[in-house]
Amino acid sequence: MKMIRLLSCALLAAACCAAQAQQAPSTGAGQAFPSRPLRIVVPFPPGGTSDILSRLIGPKLTEKWGQSVVVESRPGAAGAIGAEVVAKSAPDGYTLVLSDLGVLVILPVLYPKTPYSVNDFASITTISYSPHLLCVHPNVPVTTVPQLIALAKQRPGALNYASSPAGAPYLAGLQFAHRTGIKWEYITGRGGAQSIMDVMTGQADVLFNGMLATLPPVKSGKLRLIAVTSEKRHPSLPDTPAVAEFLPGFLTGSWQGILAPARTPPEIVSMLNAELARVLFSPDMKARLQAQGADPIGTPSAESTKFLRDELDRFTKLVKETGYKAQ
């Protein structure tokens, strides 16, 4: 399975990172990398999964390098603005993007005029996988997946589904509706944090969103948790069923990756990959991520690149099957 393959690669990355981290590549000017502050661009508003991960990882890199790692939020156009900033930046390793991989593989499928493609990036690593949580506003009278499906069928188009205009949560809702034959209205915001707020405040009824950002309002009672979208029940939520228990093979989630502009020197990509693996598999970071429902992955660059292209093919097929046309 996809998750098994990714997690197997993660073990390989963790085993190799210590040796790789000792190698300090040089820039074209002969300076050791990094010799100045780095910038991680997050193409969404603060508060979402990508932003949370960036602010966890940045300080760890700063501790090792003695160079500041600045997290810069550049939201807009469903993530395309921030991603384009990085795609057009100098390929020197100092400007990176950390994002749900949907920005890189879903937007170009839904919007052919998106000003970049996967070929404009050098994939450093797939950072983590966080299953989506299927949640509803507490006033929605359902507690299970079958009840949600039945309600949506009783009231075609009456339920409002919150998500960003494009991305993995949007496609999760599209896939769920396609598999179950239901219809709901899509209420699109500026990112995962906005979608959570829309459901919490009752402006929307239901959402799929990354576990890392969505679990806190579930625990506080502001959202009602229905199911998770991992292959099976998640260890941190053993009493919560997987959607796949009702819809076999249903697998969605927030695969977060970090990328540099294309043509970034391979030695810098390798060094960044090793450092990120070291950070992700440090005992405190690993425990912190897993406690919040995110599994560290840390794949080698080549494996992350293959994953991107496989996801591009998968979403291209889904959009074709559903007949979805972006507005």
Protein backbone atom coordinates (compact mmCIF):
# COMPACT_ATOMS: atom_id res chain seq x y z
CA MET A 1 0.00 0.00 0.00
CA LYS A 2 1.04 3.61 -0.56
CA MET A 3 1.43 4.44 3.13
CA ILE A 4 3.47 1.27 3.76
CA ARG A 5 5.79 2.17 0.90
CA LEU A 6 6.21 5.74 2.15
CA LEU A 7 6.86 4.67 5.73
CA SER A 8 9.39 2.05 4.57
CA CYS A 9 11.27 4.79 2.74
CA ALA A 10 11.06 6.88 5.88
CA LEU A 11 12.98 4.22 7.81
CA LEU A 12 15.66 4.24 5.11
CA ALA A 13 15.85 8.04 5.26
CA ALA A 14 16.20 7.99 9.02
CA ALA A 15 19.00 5.43 8.82
CA CYS A 16 20.94 7.47 6.28
CA CYS A 17 20.41 10.98 7.62
CA ALA A 18 23.16 10.93 10.25
CA ALA A 19 25.88 10.15 7.75
CA GLN A 20 24.54 12.56 5.13
CA ALA A 21 24.20 15.42 7.60
CA GLN A 22 27.95 15.53 8.08
CA GLN A 23 28.42 16.71 4.50
CA ALA A 24 28.18 20.50 4.13
CA PRO A 25 27.79 21.43 0.45
CA SER A 26 29.23 24.65 -0.88
CA THR A 27 27.56 27.35 -2.90
CA GLY A 28 28.94 28.47 -6.22
CA ALA A 29 31.00 31.05 -4.36
CA GLY A 30 32.64 28.32 -2.29
CA GLN A 31 30.77 29.17 0.91
CA ALA A 32 29.40 26.38 3.07
CA PHE A 33 25.61 26.06 2.87
CA PRO A 34 23.77 27.71 4.51
CA SER A 35 25.69 30.93 4.98
CA ARG A 36 22.64 33.21 5.40
CA PRO A 37 18.99 32.98 6.51
CA LEU A 38 16.57 30.69 4.71
CA ARG A 39 12.95 31.34 3.86
CA ILE A 40 10.13 28.78 4.03
CA VAL A 41 7.10 30.01 2.10
CA VAL A 42 3.73 28.68 3.24
CA PRO A 43 1.11 29.32 0.53
CA PHE A 44 -1.79 29.45 2.99
CA PRO A 45 -2.93 31.72 5.84
CA PRO A 46 -1.48 31.03 9.31
CA GLY A 47 -3.05 28.28 11.42
CA GLY A 48 -3.24 25.45 8.90
CA THR A 49 -1.22 22.23 8.77
CA SER A 50 1.55 23.63 6.56
CA ASP A 51 2.00 26.65 8.82
CA ILE A 52 2.08 24.48 11.96
CA LEU A 53 4.72 22.17 10.49
CA SER A 54 6.87 25.06 9.26
CA ARG A 55 6.96 26.64 12.69
CA LEU A 56 7.87 23.32 14.30
CA ILE A 57 10.66 22.55 11.83
CA GLY A 58 12.16 26.04 11.39
CA PRO A 59 13.60 26.43 14.91
CA LYS A 60 15.16 22.96 14.75
CA LEU A 61 17.04 23.87 11.58
CA THR A 62 18.10 27.18 13.11
CA GLU A 63 19.56 25.34 16.12
CA LYS A 64 21.70 23.16 13.86
CA TRP A 65 22.82 25.75 11.34
CA GLY A 66 22.97 28.94 13.39
CA GLN A 67 21.05 30.62 10.57
CA SER A 68 17.52 32.00 10.87
CA VAL A 69 14.73 30.11 9.12
CA VAL A 70 11.96 32.59 8.37
CA VAL A 71 8.42 31.31 7.81
CA GLU A 72 6.59 33.54 5.35
CA SER A 73 2.86 33.21 4.75
CA ARG A 74 1.96 33.99 1.10
CA PRO A 75 -1.71 32.97 0.70
CA GLY A 76 -3.88 33.51 -2.33
CA ALA A 77 -5.27 31.73 -5.39
CA ALA A 78 -5.68 28.46 -3.45
CA GLY A 79 -1.94 28.34 -2.80
CA ALA A 80 -0.77 29.20 -6.29
CA ILE A 81 0.67 32.60 -5.34
CA GLY A 82 3.09 31.25 -2.75
CA ALA A 83 4.06 28.25 -4.86
CA GLU A 84 4.79 30.48 -7.85
CA VAL A 85 7.01 32.71 -5.70
CA VAL A 86 9.21 29.71 -4.93
CA ALA A 87 9.12 28.29 -8.46
CA LYS A 88 10.52 31.59 -9.76
CA SER A 89 13.09 32.09 -6.98
CA ALA A 90 16.82 31.57 -7.39
CA PRO A 91 17.63 27.83 -7.30
CA ASP A 92 20.11 28.14 -4.46
CA GLY A 93 18.31 26.37 -1.61
CA TYR A 94 17.53 29.54 0.32
CA THR A 95 13.84 29.76 -0.69
CA LEU A 96 11.65 26.72 -0.07
CA VAL A 97 7.94 25.97 -0.08
CA LEU A 98 6.22 23.80 2.53
CA SER A 99 2.76 22.82 1.48
CA ASP A 100 0.11 20.19 1.17
CA LEU A 101 1.13 18.48 -2.03
CA GLY A 102 -2.26 19.29 -3.52
CA VAL A 103 -1.00 22.77 -4.39
CA LEU A 104 1.53 21.15 -6.70
CA VAL A 105 -0.50 18.33 -8.22
CA ILE A 106 -4.18 19.28 -7.89
CA LEU A 107 -4.21 22.93 -8.92
CA PRO A 108 -2.49 22.23 -12.26
CA VAL A 109 -5.10 19.51 -12.93
CA LEU A 110 -8.09 21.68 -12.07
CA TYR A 111 -6.67 24.87 -13.60
CA PRO A 112 -4.53 24.26 -16.70
CA LYS A 113 -3.39 27.90 -16.64
CA THR A 114 -1.72 27.49 -13.22
CA PRO A 115 1.63 29.32 -13.65
CA TYR A 116 3.79 26.31 -12.65
CA SER A 117 3.94 22.53 -12.76
CA VAL A 118 5.73 19.83 -10.79
CA ASN A 119 8.62 20.24 -13.22
CA ASP A 120 9.30 23.70 -11.76
CA PHE A 121 10.31 22.24 -8.38
CA ALA A 122 13.02 20.06 -6.90
CA SER A 123 11.30 17.85 -4.36
CA ILE A 124 13.34 17.65 -1.15
CA THR A 125 11.17 15.30 0.90
CA THR A 126 7.64 14.29 1.83
CA ILE A 127 7.53 15.50 5.42
CA SER A 128 4.49 13.86 6.91
CA TYR A 129 1.12 12.27 6.40
CA SER A 130 -1.86 13.43 8.42
CA PRO A 131 -5.18 11.73 7.68
CA HIS A 132 -8.15 13.93 7.07
CA LEU A 133 -10.77 14.11 9.77
CA LEU A 134 -14.35 13.98 8.57
CA CYS A 135 -16.17 16.40 10.87
CA VAL A 136 -19.51 18.15 11.11
CA HIS A 137 -20.88 21.07 13.07
CA PRO A 138 -22.28 19.82 16.39
CA ASN A 139 -25.82 20.76 15.30
CA VAL A 140 -25.74 18.46 12.27
CA PRO A 141 -27.79 15.41 13.38
CA VAL A 142 -25.31 12.66 12.44
CA THR A 143 -22.64 10.70 14.30
CA THR A 144 -21.62 8.08 11.71
CA VAL A 145 -20.66 7.90 8.05
CA PRO A 146 -23.86 6.00 7.06
CA GLN A 147 -25.96 8.61 8.83
CA LEU A 148 -24.15 11.42 6.99
CA ILE A 149 -24.71 9.71 3.65
CA ALA A 150 -28.40 9.16 4.45
CA LEU A 151 -28.89 12.78 5.50
CA ALA A 152 -27.18 14.07 2.35
CA LYS A 153 -29.39 11.85 0.21
CA GLN A 154 -32.53 13.03 2.01
CA ARG A 155 -31.53 16.65 1.44
CA PRO A 156 -29.72 16.85 -1.93
CA GLY A 157 -27.59 19.98 -2.07
CA ALA A 158 -28.66 21.15 1.39
CA LEU A 159 -25.40 20.40 3.20
CA ASN A 160 -22.54 22.87 2.79
CA TYR A 161 -19.06 21.38 2.43
CA ALA A 162 -16.17 23.65 3.52
CA SER A 163 -12.73 23.55 1.89
CA SER A 164 -10.21 25.64 0.00
CA PRO A 165 -11.05 26.14 -3.71
CA ALA A 166 -8.65 23.36 -4.68
CA GLY A 167 -6.48 20.95 -2.80
CA ALA A 168 -6.59 17.58 -1.08
CA PRO A 169 -9.59 18.43 1.19
CA TYR A 170 -11.57 19.64 -1.82
CA LEU A 171 -10.80 16.45 -3.73
CA ALA A 172 -11.65 14.39 -0.64
CA GLY A 173 -15.12 15.91 -0.62
CA LEU A 174 -15.46 15.37 -4.36
CA GLN A 175 -14.34 11.75 -4.03
CA PHE A 176 -16.71 11.07 -1.11
CA ALA A 177 -19.65 12.56 -2.99
CA HIS A 178 -18.75 10.61 -6.13
CA ARG A 179 -18.45 7.30 -4.26
CA THR A 180 -21.73 7.72 -2.35
CA GLY A 181 -23.86 9.44 -4.98
CA ILE A 182 -24.62 12.46 -2.79
CA LYS A 183 -24.65 16.16 -3.61
CA TRP A 184 -23.55 19.02 -1.40
CA GLU A 185 -22.65 22.64 -1.93
CA TYR A 186 -18.97 23.60 -1.80
CA ILE A 187 -18.16 26.62 0.37
CA THR A 188 -14.62 27.59 -0.50
CA GLY A 189 -12.40 29.68 1.75
CA ARG A 190 -8.72 30.58 1.88
CA GLY A 191 -7.33 27.39 3.37
CA GLY A 192 -7.74 24.74 6.03
CA ALA A 193 -7.89 27.18 8.94
CA GLN A 194 -10.73 29.11 7.27
CA SER A 195 -12.61 25.88 6.52
CA ILE A 196 -12.39 24.84 10.17
CA MET A 197 -13.70 28.24 11.25
CA ASP A 198 -16.57 28.06 8.74
CA VAL A 199 -17.80 24.76 10.20
CA MET A 200 -17.19 25.80 13.81
CA THR A 201 -19.32 28.92 13.33
CA GLY A 202 -22.08 27.10 11.44
CA GLN A 203 -21.47 28.79 8.09
CA ALA A 204 -20.82 25.31 6.69
CA ASP A 205 -21.86 21.83 7.84
CA VAL A 206 -19.10 19.38 7.02
CA LEU A 207 -15.44 19.16 6.05
CA PHE A 208 -12.49 16.88 5.50
CA ASN A 209 -9.31 18.49 6.79
CA GLY A 210 -5.84 17.51 7.99
CA MET A 211 -5.77 15.95 11.45
CA LEU A 212 -2.91 18.12 12.71
CA ALA A 213 -4.95 21.32 12.39
CA THR A 214 -8.42 19.84 12.99
CA LEU A 215 -7.95 17.73 16.11
CA PRO A 216 -7.79 20.65 18.61
CA PRO A 217 -11.32 21.94 17.85
CA VAL A 218 -12.56 18.34 17.93
CA LYS A 219 -11.13 17.92 21.42
CA SER A 220 -12.69 21.20 22.53
CA GLY A 221 -16.12 20.11 21.29
CA LYS A 222 -16.38 22.74 18.58
CA LEU A 223 -16.45 20.08 15.85
CA ARG A 224 -17.97 16.59 15.92
CA LEU A 225 -15.64 13.90 14.62
CA ILE A 226 -17.24 11.28 12.36
CA ALA A 227 -14.32 9.34 10.84
CA VAL A 228 -10.68 9.40 9.72
CA THR A 229 -9.42 8.83 6.18
CA SER A 230 -6.36 6.67 6.81
CA GLU A 231 -6.33 3.10 5.52
CA LYS A 232 -7.47 1.88 8.92
CA ARG A 233 -8.19 3.42 12.32
CA HIS A 234 -5.50 5.80 13.48
CA PRO A 235 -3.58 4.78 16.62
CA SER A 236 -4.26 8.14 18.27
CA LEU A 237 -8.04 7.75 17.71
CA PRO A 238 -8.70 4.03 18.13
CA ASP A 239 -12.43 4.48 18.75
CA THR A 240 -12.97 6.52 15.58
CA PRO A 241 -13.77 4.45 12.48
CA ALA A 242 -12.03 4.90 9.15
CA VAL A 243 -14.13 5.99 6.18
CA ALA A 244 -12.67 2.91 4.44
CA GLU A 245 -14.71 0.70 6.79
CA PHE A 246 -17.77 1.92 4.90
CA LEU A 247 -16.18 2.80 1.54
CA PRO A 248 -13.42 0.24 0.92
CA GLY A 249 -10.21 1.75 -0.44
CA PHE A 250 -11.10 5.32 0.53
CA LEU A 251 -7.78 7.00 1.38
CA THR A 252 -7.16 10.72 1.54
CA GLY A 253 -5.12 13.00 3.74
CA SER A 254 -2.63 15.78 4.05
CA TRP A 255 0.69 14.74 2.57
CA GLN A 256 2.97 17.65 3.34
CA GLY A 257 6.14 18.22 1.34
CA ILE A 258 8.99 20.68 1.15
CA LEU A 259 10.41 21.71 -2.20
CA ALA A 260 12.97 24.04 -3.74
CA PRO A 261 13.02 25.63 -7.19
CA ALA A 262 14.00 23.34 -10.04
CA ARG A 263 17.73 23.26 -10.84
CA THR A 264 18.69 23.62 -7.18
CA PRO A 265 22.08 21.85 -6.96
CA PRO A 266 21.68 18.14 -6.08
CA GLU A 267 24.18 18.40 -3.24
CA ILE A 268 22.06 21.10 -1.57
CA VAL A 269 18.87 19.07 -2.07
CA SER A 270 20.62 16.07 -0.49
CA MET A 271 21.84 18.10 2.46
CA LEU A 272 18.39 19.59 3.08
CA ASN A 273 16.85 16.12 2.83
CA ALA A 274 19.26 14.75 5.44
CA GLU A 275 18.68 17.63 7.84
CA LEU A 276 14.91 17.37 7.55
CA ALA A 277 15.05 13.61 8.18
CA ARG A 278 17.18 14.27 11.27
CA VAL A 279 14.62 16.79 12.55
CA LEU A 280 11.55 14.68 11.76
CA PHE A 281 12.91 11.56 13.44
CA SER A 282 14.37 13.23 16.49
CA PRO A 283 12.55 11.69 19.48
CA ASP A 284 10.83 14.89 20.61
CA MET A 285 9.66 15.92 17.13
CA LYS A 286 8.46 12.43 16.22
CA ALA A 287 6.51 12.15 19.49
CA ARG A 288 5.04 15.63 19.08
CA LEU A 289 3.85 14.98 15.53
CA GLN A 290 2.40 11.57 16.28
CA ALA A 291 0.56 12.88 19.34
CA GLN A 292 -1.22 15.29 16.99
CA GLY A 293 -1.98 12.66 14.36
CA ALA A 294 0.83 13.31 11.87
CA ASP A 295 3.19 10.50 10.89
CA PRO A 296 6.72 11.66 9.96
CA ILE A 297 7.86 10.30 6.60
CA GLY A 298 11.10 11.94 5.42
CA THR A 299 11.43 10.14 2.10
CA PRO A 300 14.52 10.50 -0.10
CA SER A 301 14.20 13.15 -2.80
CA ALA A 302 13.76 10.65 -5.65
CA GLU A 303 10.97 8.83 -3.82
CA SER A 304 9.22 12.11 -3.05
CA THR A 305 9.43 13.09 -6.71
CA LYS A 306 7.86 9.78 -7.76
CA PHE A 307 5.11 10.24 -5.20
CA LEU A 308 4.29 13.67 -6.64
CA ARG A 309 3.97 12.26 -10.14
CA ASP A 310 1.87 9.31 -8.96
CA GLU A 311 -0.49 11.72 -7.17
CA LEU A 312 -0.71 13.86 -10.30
CA ASP A 313 -1.85 10.79 -12.25
CA ARG A 314 -4.33 9.79 -9.52
CA PHE A 315 -6.02 13.18 -9.33
CA THR A 316 -6.09 13.54 -13.11
CA LYS A 317 -8.03 10.26 -13.21
CA LEU A 318 -10.40 11.33 -10.42
CA VAL A 319 -11.25 14.63 -12.10
CA LYS A 320 -11.85 12.83 -15.39
CA GLU A 321 -14.10 10.22 -13.75
CA THR A 322 -16.20 12.77 -11.88
CA GLY A 323 -16.43 15.13 -14.83
CA TYR A 324 -15.56 18.01 -12.51
CA LYS A 325 -15.04 21.38 -14.15
CA ALA A 326 -13.36 24.16 -12.16
CA GLN A 327 -15.39 27.33 -11.97
